[in-house]
Amino acid sequence: MGKPRFTEEFNIDAIKQITERGYSVADVSKRLEQ
């Protein structure tokens, strides 16, 4: 099993949720798992 690969758009959105919207890494991780 390899590491999951995500699109660049997905990664950028995840980073923006943390840096621009102030969400914690844990919160973003939980939201994206669903």
PDB file of N, CA and C in Angstrom:
ATOM      1  N   MET A   1       0.835  -1.188   0.000  1.00  0.00           N
ATOM      2  CA  MET A   1       0.000   0.000   0.000  1.00  0.00           C
ATOM      3  C   MET A   1       0.875   1.245   0.000  1.00  0.00           C
ATOM      4  N   GLY A   2       0.604   2.121  -0.929  1.00  0.00           N
ATOM      5  CA  GLY A   2       1.359   3.357  -1.007  1.00  0.00           C
ATOM      6  C   GLY A   2       0.637   4.497  -0.320  1.00  0.00           C
ATOM      7  N   LYS A   3       1.332   5.575  -0.249  1.00  0.00           N
ATOM      8  CA  LYS A   3       0.774   6.788   0.329  1.00  0.00           C
ATOM      9  C   LYS A   3      -0.296   7.337  -0.626  1.00  0.00           C
ATOM     10  N   PRO A   4      -1.462   7.733  -0.117  1.00  0.00           N
ATOM     11  CA  PRO A   4      -2.498   8.251  -1.018  1.00  0.00           C
ATOM     12  C   PRO A   4      -2.049   9.541  -1.693  1.00  0.00           C
ATOM     13  N   ARG A   5      -2.390   9.698  -2.952  1.00  0.00           N
ATOM     14  CA  ARG A   5      -2.032  10.905  -3.696  1.00  0.00           C
ATOM     15  C   ARG A   5      -3.290  11.748  -3.892  1.00  0.00           C
ATOM     16  N   PHE A   6      -3.156  13.017  -3.663  1.00  0.00           N
ATOM     17  CA  PHE A   6      -4.280  13.929  -3.805  1.00  0.00           C
ATOM     18  C   PHE A   6      -3.965  14.947  -4.889  1.00  0.00           C
ATOM     19  N   THR A   7      -5.004  15.523  -5.461  1.00  0.00           N
ATOM     20  CA  THR A   7      -4.800  16.523  -6.501  1.00  0.00           C
ATOM     21  C   THR A   7      -4.205  17.789  -5.891  1.00  0.00           C
ATOM     22  N   GLU A   8      -3.563  18.575  -6.743  1.00  0.00           N
ATOM     23  CA  GLU A   8      -2.984  19.839  -6.282  1.00  0.00           C
ATOM     24  C   GLU A   8      -4.078  20.756  -5.739  1.00  0.00           C
ATOM     25  N   GLU A   9      -5.237  20.765  -6.397  1.00  0.00           N
ATOM     26  CA  GLU A   9      -6.359  21.589  -5.944  1.00  0.00           C
ATOM     27  C   GLU A   9      -6.811  21.185  -4.542  1.00  0.00           C
ATOM     28  N   PHE A  10      -6.889  19.892  -4.284  1.00  0.00           N
ATOM     29  CA  PHE A  10      -7.278  19.383  -2.968  1.00  0.00           C
ATOM     30  C   PHE A  10      -6.286  19.859  -1.908  1.00  0.00           C
ATOM     31  N   ASN A  11      -4.990  19.727  -2.208  1.00  0.00           N
ATOM     32  CA  ASN A  11      -3.957  20.132  -1.253  1.00  0.00           C
ATOM     33  C   ASN A  11      -4.002  21.630  -0.983  1.00  0.00           C
ATOM     34  N   ILE A  12      -4.184  22.428  -2.016  1.00  0.00           N
ATOM     35  CA  ILE A  12      -4.242  23.881  -1.846  1.00  0.00           C
ATOM     36  C   ILE A  12      -5.433  24.269  -0.980  1.00  0.00           C
ATOM     37  N   ASP A  13      -6.586  23.642  -1.226  1.00  0.00           N
ATOM     38  CA  ASP A  13      -7.770  23.944  -0.421  1.00  0.00           C
ATOM     39  C   ASP A  13      -7.547  23.582   1.046  1.00  0.00           C
ATOM     40  N   ALA A  14      -6.925  22.443   1.286  1.00  0.00           N
ATOM     41  CA  ALA A  14      -6.653  22.027   2.669  1.00  0.00           C
ATOM     42  C   ALA A  14      -5.739  23.036   3.359  1.00  0.00           C
ATOM     43  N   ILE A  15      -4.708  23.492   2.669  1.00  0.00           N
ATOM     44  CA  ILE A  15      -3.778  24.465   3.244  1.00  0.00           C
ATOM     45  C   ILE A  15      -4.480  25.794   3.508  1.00  0.00           C
ATOM     46  N   LYS A  16      -5.340  26.213   2.586  1.00  0.00           N
ATOM     47  CA  LYS A  16      -6.075  27.473   2.776  1.00  0.00           C
ATOM     48  C   LYS A  16      -6.992  27.409   3.988  1.00  0.00           C
ATOM     49  N   GLN A  17      -7.604  26.250   4.222  1.00  0.00           N
ATOM     50  CA  GLN A  17      -8.477  26.121   5.389  1.00  0.00           C
ATOM     51  C   GLN A  17      -7.689  26.347   6.675  1.00  0.00           C
ATOM     52  N   ILE A  18      -6.432  25.947   6.678  1.00  0.00           N
ATOM     53  CA  ILE A  18      -5.593  26.108   7.868  1.00  0.00           C
ATOM     54  C   ILE A  18      -5.058  27.533   7.964  1.00  0.00           C
ATOM     55  N   THR A  19      -4.482  28.038   6.867  1.00  0.00           N
ATOM     56  CA  THR A  19      -3.793  29.326   6.923  1.00  0.00           C
ATOM     57  C   THR A  19      -4.722  30.528   6.830  1.00  0.00           C
ATOM     58  N   GLU A  20      -5.759  30.449   5.987  1.00  0.00           N
ATOM     59  CA  GLU A  20      -6.617  31.610   5.775  1.00  0.00           C
ATOM     60  C   GLU A  20      -7.859  31.611   6.652  1.00  0.00           C
ATOM     61  N   ARG A  21      -8.387  30.444   6.936  1.00  0.00           N
ATOM     62  CA  ARG A  21      -9.640  30.369   7.694  1.00  0.00           C
ATOM     63  C   ARG A  21      -9.422  30.073   9.166  1.00  0.00           C
ATOM     64  N   GLY A  22      -8.194  29.737   9.536  1.00  0.00           N
ATOM     65  CA  GLY A  22      -7.876  29.557  10.943  1.00  0.00           C
ATOM     66  C   GLY A  22      -8.247  28.221  11.549  1.00  0.00           C
ATOM     67  N   TYR A  23      -8.602  27.237  10.715  1.00  0.00           N
ATOM     68  CA  TYR A  23      -8.911  25.911  11.245  1.00  0.00           C
ATOM     69  C   TYR A  23      -7.631  25.214  11.680  1.00  0.00           C
ATOM     70  N   SER A  24      -7.738  24.351  12.671  1.00  0.00           N
ATOM     71  CA  SER A  24      -6.574  23.574  13.093  1.00  0.00           C
ATOM     72  C   SER A  24      -6.347  22.431  12.110  1.00  0.00           C
ATOM     73  N   VAL A  25      -5.140  21.910  12.097  1.00  0.00           N
ATOM     74  CA  VAL A  25      -4.807  20.784  11.226  1.00  0.00           C
ATOM     75  C   VAL A  25      -5.717  19.600  11.536  1.00  0.00           C
ATOM     76  N   ALA A  26      -5.962  19.349  12.817  1.00  0.00           N
ATOM     77  CA  ALA A  26      -6.822  18.230  13.218  1.00  0.00           C
ATOM     78  C   ALA A  26      -8.244  18.416  12.693  1.00  0.00           C
ATOM     79  N   ASP A  27      -8.780  19.639  12.781  1.00  0.00           N
ATOM     80  CA  ASP A  27     -10.133  19.901  12.287  1.00  0.00           C
ATOM     81  C   ASP A  27     -10.225  19.676  10.781  1.00  0.00           C
ATOM     82  N   VAL A  28      -9.254  20.183  10.050  1.00  0.00           N
ATOM     83  CA  VAL A  28      -9.256  20.026   8.592  1.00  0.00           C
ATOM     84  C   VAL A  28      -9.136  18.556   8.225  1.00  0.00           C
ATOM     85  N   SER A  29      -8.286  17.844   8.925  1.00  0.00           N
ATOM     86  CA  SER A  29      -8.107  16.418   8.658  1.00  0.00           C
ATOM     87  C   SER A  29      -9.417  15.659   8.845  1.00  0.00           C
ATOM     88  N   LYS A  30     -10.116  15.948   9.933  1.00  0.00           N
ATOM     89  CA  LYS A  30     -11.392  15.276  10.197  1.00  0.00           C
ATOM     90  C   LYS A  30     -12.425  15.611   9.128  1.00  0.00           C
ATOM     91  N   ARG A  31     -12.475  16.871   8.721  1.00  0.00           N
ATOM     92  CA  ARG A  31     -13.456  17.296   7.726  1.00  0.00           C
ATOM     93  C   ARG A  31     -13.183  16.660   6.369  1.00  0.00           C
ATOM     94  N   LEU A  32     -11.923  16.491   6.015  1.00  0.00           N
ATOM     95  CA  LEU A  32     -11.569  15.950   4.705  1.00  0.00           C
ATOM     96  C   LEU A  32     -11.693  14.436   4.637  1.00  0.00           C
ATOM     97  N   GLU A  33     -11.703  13.769   5.771  1.00  0.00           N
ATOM     98  CA  GLU A  33     -11.844  12.311   5.790  1.00  0.00           C
ATOM     99  C   GLU A  33     -13.250  11.881   5.408  1.00  0.00           C
ATOM    100  N   GLN A  34     -14.216  12.747   5.577  1.00  0.00           N
ATOM    101  CA  GLN A  34     -15.619  12.387   5.353  1.00  0.00           C
ATOM    102  C   GLN A  34     -15.976  12.375   3.896  1.00  0.00           C
TER     103      GLN A  34
END
